[in-house]
Amino acid sequence: MADPARNTLPLPDYDHLPIGGLESRVRSLSADEVEELLAYERSHADRVPVTELLANRLEQLRAGAQPTSGDPGAIRPEQSEGHAGSPVSPATSPEPFSPPPHGTPDQFGKPKGDRT
């Protein structure tokens, strides 16, 4: 069931922002908008690092700080690259190695020589 309050937040993708991206994006919000996010956070996930970040920003705004444009290059979920497979290629993979001296289930170990 979707939470209707989520659709009215100043940052529409708020629930999916990593804390680094959130820190940059809240800089563009007014004190009222930061208060709204803080109330939403406290009534939902109540993540300590996020509530501290929002409370600190609200304090800065009340002390006279002005909203800025934020960091347009901030990490955003919609910009993240999905997992497209392993970055390993033949050029970066390790050299093949010999099986251990005791052997493997499909390859028996080699005798140490003639032990009489």
C-alpha atoms as a PDB file:
ATOM      1  CA  MET A   1       0.000   0.000   0.000  1.00  0.00           C
ATOM      2  CA  ALA A   2       1.495   3.318  -1.052  1.00  0.00           C
ATOM      3  CA  ASP A   3       1.848   6.102   1.479  1.00  0.00           C
ATOM      4  CA  PRO A   4       0.056   9.238   0.198  1.00  0.00           C
ATOM      5  CA  ALA A   5       2.477  11.495   2.122  1.00  0.00           C
ATOM      6  CA  ARG A   6       5.322  10.142  -0.003  1.00  0.00           C
ATOM      7  CA  ASN A   7       3.797  11.661  -3.161  1.00  0.00           C
ATOM      8  CA  THR A   8       3.776  15.171  -1.712  1.00  0.00           C
ATOM      9  CA  LEU A   9       7.368  15.315  -0.441  1.00  0.00           C
ATOM     10  CA  PRO A  10       9.655  18.080  -1.752  1.00  0.00           C
ATOM     11  CA  LEU A  11      12.017  15.364  -3.073  1.00  0.00           C
ATOM     12  CA  PRO A  12       9.883  12.848  -4.978  1.00  0.00           C
ATOM     13  CA  ASP A  13      12.533  10.107  -4.865  1.00  0.00           C
ATOM     14  CA  TYR A  14      13.382  10.764  -1.199  1.00  0.00           C
ATOM     15  CA  ASP A  15      13.007   7.157  -0.003  1.00  0.00           C
ATOM     16  CA  HIS A  16      15.503   5.928  -2.588  1.00  0.00           C
ATOM     17  CA  LEU A  17      18.237   8.536  -2.202  1.00  0.00           C
ATOM     18  CA  PRO A  18      21.551   7.456  -0.692  1.00  0.00           C
ATOM     19  CA  ILE A  19      22.618   9.696   2.158  1.00  0.00           C
ATOM     20  CA  GLY A  20      25.347  11.318   0.017  1.00  0.00           C
ATOM     21  CA  GLY A  21      22.804  12.334  -2.611  1.00  0.00           C
ATOM     22  CA  LEU A  22      20.336  13.458   0.019  1.00  0.00           C
ATOM     23  CA  GLU A  23      22.893  15.738   1.656  1.00  0.00           C
ATOM     24  CA  SER A  24      23.437  17.586  -1.602  1.00  0.00           C
ATOM     25  CA  ARG A  25      19.793  17.758  -2.627  1.00  0.00           C
ATOM     26  CA  VAL A  26      18.404  19.146   0.658  1.00  0.00           C
ATOM     27  CA  ARG A  27      20.584  22.219   0.190  1.00  0.00           C
ATOM     28  CA  SER A  28      18.097  23.464  -2.391  1.00  0.00           C
ATOM     29  CA  LEU A  29      15.117  23.202  -0.010  1.00  0.00           C
ATOM     30  CA  SER A  30      13.562  25.867   2.174  1.00  0.00           C
ATOM     31  CA  ALA A  31      13.233  25.496   5.948  1.00  0.00           C
ATOM     32  CA  ASP A  32       9.569  24.453   5.603  1.00  0.00           C
ATOM     33  CA  GLU A  33      10.473  21.750   3.080  1.00  0.00           C
ATOM     34  CA  VAL A  34      13.282  20.415   5.274  1.00  0.00           C
ATOM     35  CA  GLU A  35      10.853  20.369   8.229  1.00  0.00           C
ATOM     36  CA  GLU A  36       8.415  18.360   6.118  1.00  0.00           C
ATOM     37  CA  LEU A  37      11.117  15.817   5.229  1.00  0.00           C
ATOM     38  CA  LEU A  38      12.246  15.619   8.860  1.00  0.00           C
ATOM     39  CA  ALA A  39       8.692  14.928  10.066  1.00  0.00           C
ATOM     40  CA  TYR A  40       8.252  12.284   7.359  1.00  0.00           C
ATOM     41  CA  GLU A  41      11.577  10.631   8.251  1.00  0.00           C
ATOM     42  CA  ARG A  42      10.796  10.555  11.968  1.00  0.00           C
ATOM     43  CA  SER A  43       7.375   8.978  11.370  1.00  0.00           C
ATOM     44  CA  HIS A  44       8.658   6.380   8.905  1.00  0.00           C
ATOM     45  CA  ALA A  45      12.195   4.975   8.823  1.00  0.00           C
ATOM     46  CA  ASP A  46      13.628   7.265  11.549  1.00  0.00           C
ATOM     47  CA  ARG A  47      17.218   6.683  10.388  1.00  0.00           C
ATOM     48  CA  VAL A  48      19.573   8.442  12.792  1.00  0.00           C
ATOM     49  CA  PRO A  49      22.100   9.694  10.172  1.00  0.00           C
ATOM     50  CA  VAL A  50      19.255  11.084   8.038  1.00  0.00           C
ATOM     51  CA  THR A  51      17.443  12.790  10.912  1.00  0.00           C
ATOM     52  CA  GLU A  52      20.746  14.330  12.053  1.00  0.00           C
ATOM     53  CA  LEU A  53      21.479  15.560   8.532  1.00  0.00           C
ATOM     54  CA  LEU A  54      18.012  17.111   8.166  1.00  0.00           C
ATOM     55  CA  ALA A  55      18.061  18.620  11.671  1.00  0.00           C
ATOM     56  CA  ASN A  56      21.490  20.169  11.018  1.00  0.00           C
ATOM     57  CA  ARG A  57      20.334  21.626   7.708  1.00  0.00           C
ATOM     58  CA  LEU A  58      17.196  23.016   9.342  1.00  0.00           C
ATOM     59  CA  GLU A  59      19.352  24.637  12.023  1.00  0.00           C
ATOM     60  CA  GLN A  60      21.567  26.183   9.321  1.00  0.00           C
ATOM     61  CA  LEU A  61      18.529  27.595   7.507  1.00  0.00           C
ATOM     62  CA  ARG A  62      17.086  29.055  10.711  1.00  0.00           C
ATOM     63  CA  ALA A  63      20.491  30.653  11.425  1.00  0.00           C
ATOM     64  CA  GLY A  64      20.327  32.509   8.127  1.00  0.00           C
ATOM     65  CA  ALA A  65      21.664  30.106   5.505  1.00  0.00           C
ATOM     66  CA  GLN A  66      20.032  30.391   2.110  1.00  0.00           C
ATOM     67  CA  PRO A  67      18.897  27.497  -0.086  1.00  0.00           C
ATOM     68  CA  THR A  68      21.309  26.838  -2.932  1.00  0.00           C
ATOM     69  CA  SER A  69      20.987  24.976  -6.179  1.00  0.00           C
ATOM     70  CA  GLY A  70      22.470  21.849  -4.613  1.00  0.00           C
ATOM     71  CA  ASP A  71      24.871  19.572  -6.408  1.00  0.00           C
ATOM     72  CA  PRO A  72      23.467  18.623  -9.808  1.00  0.00           C
ATOM     73  CA  GLY A  73      25.985  15.805 -10.032  1.00  0.00           C
ATOM     74  CA  ALA A  74      24.793  14.210  -6.800  1.00  0.00           C
ATOM     75  CA  ILE A  75      24.255  10.489  -6.742  1.00  0.00           C
ATOM     76  CA  ARG A  76      20.740   9.748  -7.923  1.00  0.00           C
ATOM     77  CA  PRO A  77      19.145   6.316  -8.127  1.00  0.00           C
ATOM     78  CA  GLU A  78      17.849   6.990 -11.614  1.00  0.00           C
ATOM     79  CA  GLN A  79      21.420   7.598 -12.798  1.00  0.00           C
ATOM     80  CA  SER A  80      22.995   4.534 -11.264  1.00  0.00           C
ATOM     81  CA  GLU A  81      24.248   1.864 -13.562  1.00  0.00           C
ATOM     82  CA  GLY A  82      22.712  -1.537 -13.072  1.00  0.00           C
ATOM     83  CA  HIS A  83      24.811  -4.605 -12.571  1.00  0.00           C
ATOM     84  CA  ALA A  84      25.793  -5.548 -16.097  1.00  0.00           C
ATOM     85  CA  GLY A  85      27.881  -8.567 -15.241  1.00  0.00           C
ATOM     86  CA  SER A  86      31.392  -9.196 -14.110  1.00  0.00           C
ATOM     87  CA  PRO A  87      34.105  -6.642 -14.882  1.00  0.00           C
ATOM     88  CA  VAL A  88      36.515  -9.557 -15.321  1.00  0.00           C
ATOM     89  CA  SER A  89      37.745 -10.168 -18.844  1.00  0.00           C
ATOM     90  CA  PRO A  90      40.390 -12.506 -20.246  1.00  0.00           C
ATOM     91  CA  ALA A  91      42.853  -9.622 -20.018  1.00  0.00           C
ATOM     92  CA  THR A  92      42.204  -9.111 -16.290  1.00  0.00           C
ATOM     93  CA  SER A  93      41.614 -12.685 -15.153  1.00  0.00           C
ATOM     94  CA  PRO A  94      44.383 -14.537 -13.290  1.00  0.00           C
ATOM     95  CA  GLU A  95      46.609 -17.160 -14.865  1.00  0.00           C
ATOM     96  CA  PRO A  96      45.342 -20.737 -14.543  1.00  0.00           C
ATOM     97  CA  PHE A  97      46.914 -22.659 -11.707  1.00  0.00           C
ATOM     98  CA  SER A  98      47.739 -26.289 -11.035  1.00  0.00           C
ATOM     99  CA  PRO A  99      45.450 -28.343  -8.836  1.00  0.00           C
ATOM    100  CA  PRO A 100      46.577 -28.774  -5.232  1.00  0.00           C
ATOM    101  CA  PRO A 101      49.051 -31.629  -4.593  1.00  0.00           C
ATOM    102  CA  HIS A 102      46.402 -33.692  -2.822  1.00  0.00           C
ATOM    103  CA  GLY A 103      44.227 -33.639  -5.953  1.00  0.00           C
ATOM    104  CA  THR A 104      40.608 -32.818  -6.581  1.00  0.00           C
ATOM    105  CA  PRO A 105      37.612 -35.165  -6.778  1.00  0.00           C
ATOM    106  CA  ASP A 106      38.051 -35.563 -10.531  1.00  0.00           C
ATOM    107  CA  GLN A 107      41.873 -35.428 -10.575  1.00  0.00           C
ATOM    108  CA  PHE A 108      43.886 -37.575  -8.211  1.00  0.00           C
ATOM    109  CA  GLY A 109      47.017 -36.328  -6.510  1.00  0.00           C
ATOM    110  CA  LYS A 110      50.425 -37.292  -7.778  1.00  0.00           C
ATOM    111  CA  PRO A 111      52.500 -39.707  -5.726  1.00  0.00           C
ATOM    112  CA  LYS A 112      55.615 -38.240  -4.108  1.00  0.00           C
ATOM    113  CA  GLY A 113      57.803 -40.869  -5.647  1.00  0.00           C
ATOM    114  CA  ASP A 114      58.999 -44.249  -4.654  1.00  0.00           C
ATOM    115  CA  ARG A 115      58.600 -44.552  -0.879  1.00  0.00           C
ATOM    116  CA  THR A 116      59.741 -47.884   0.376  1.00  0.00           C
END
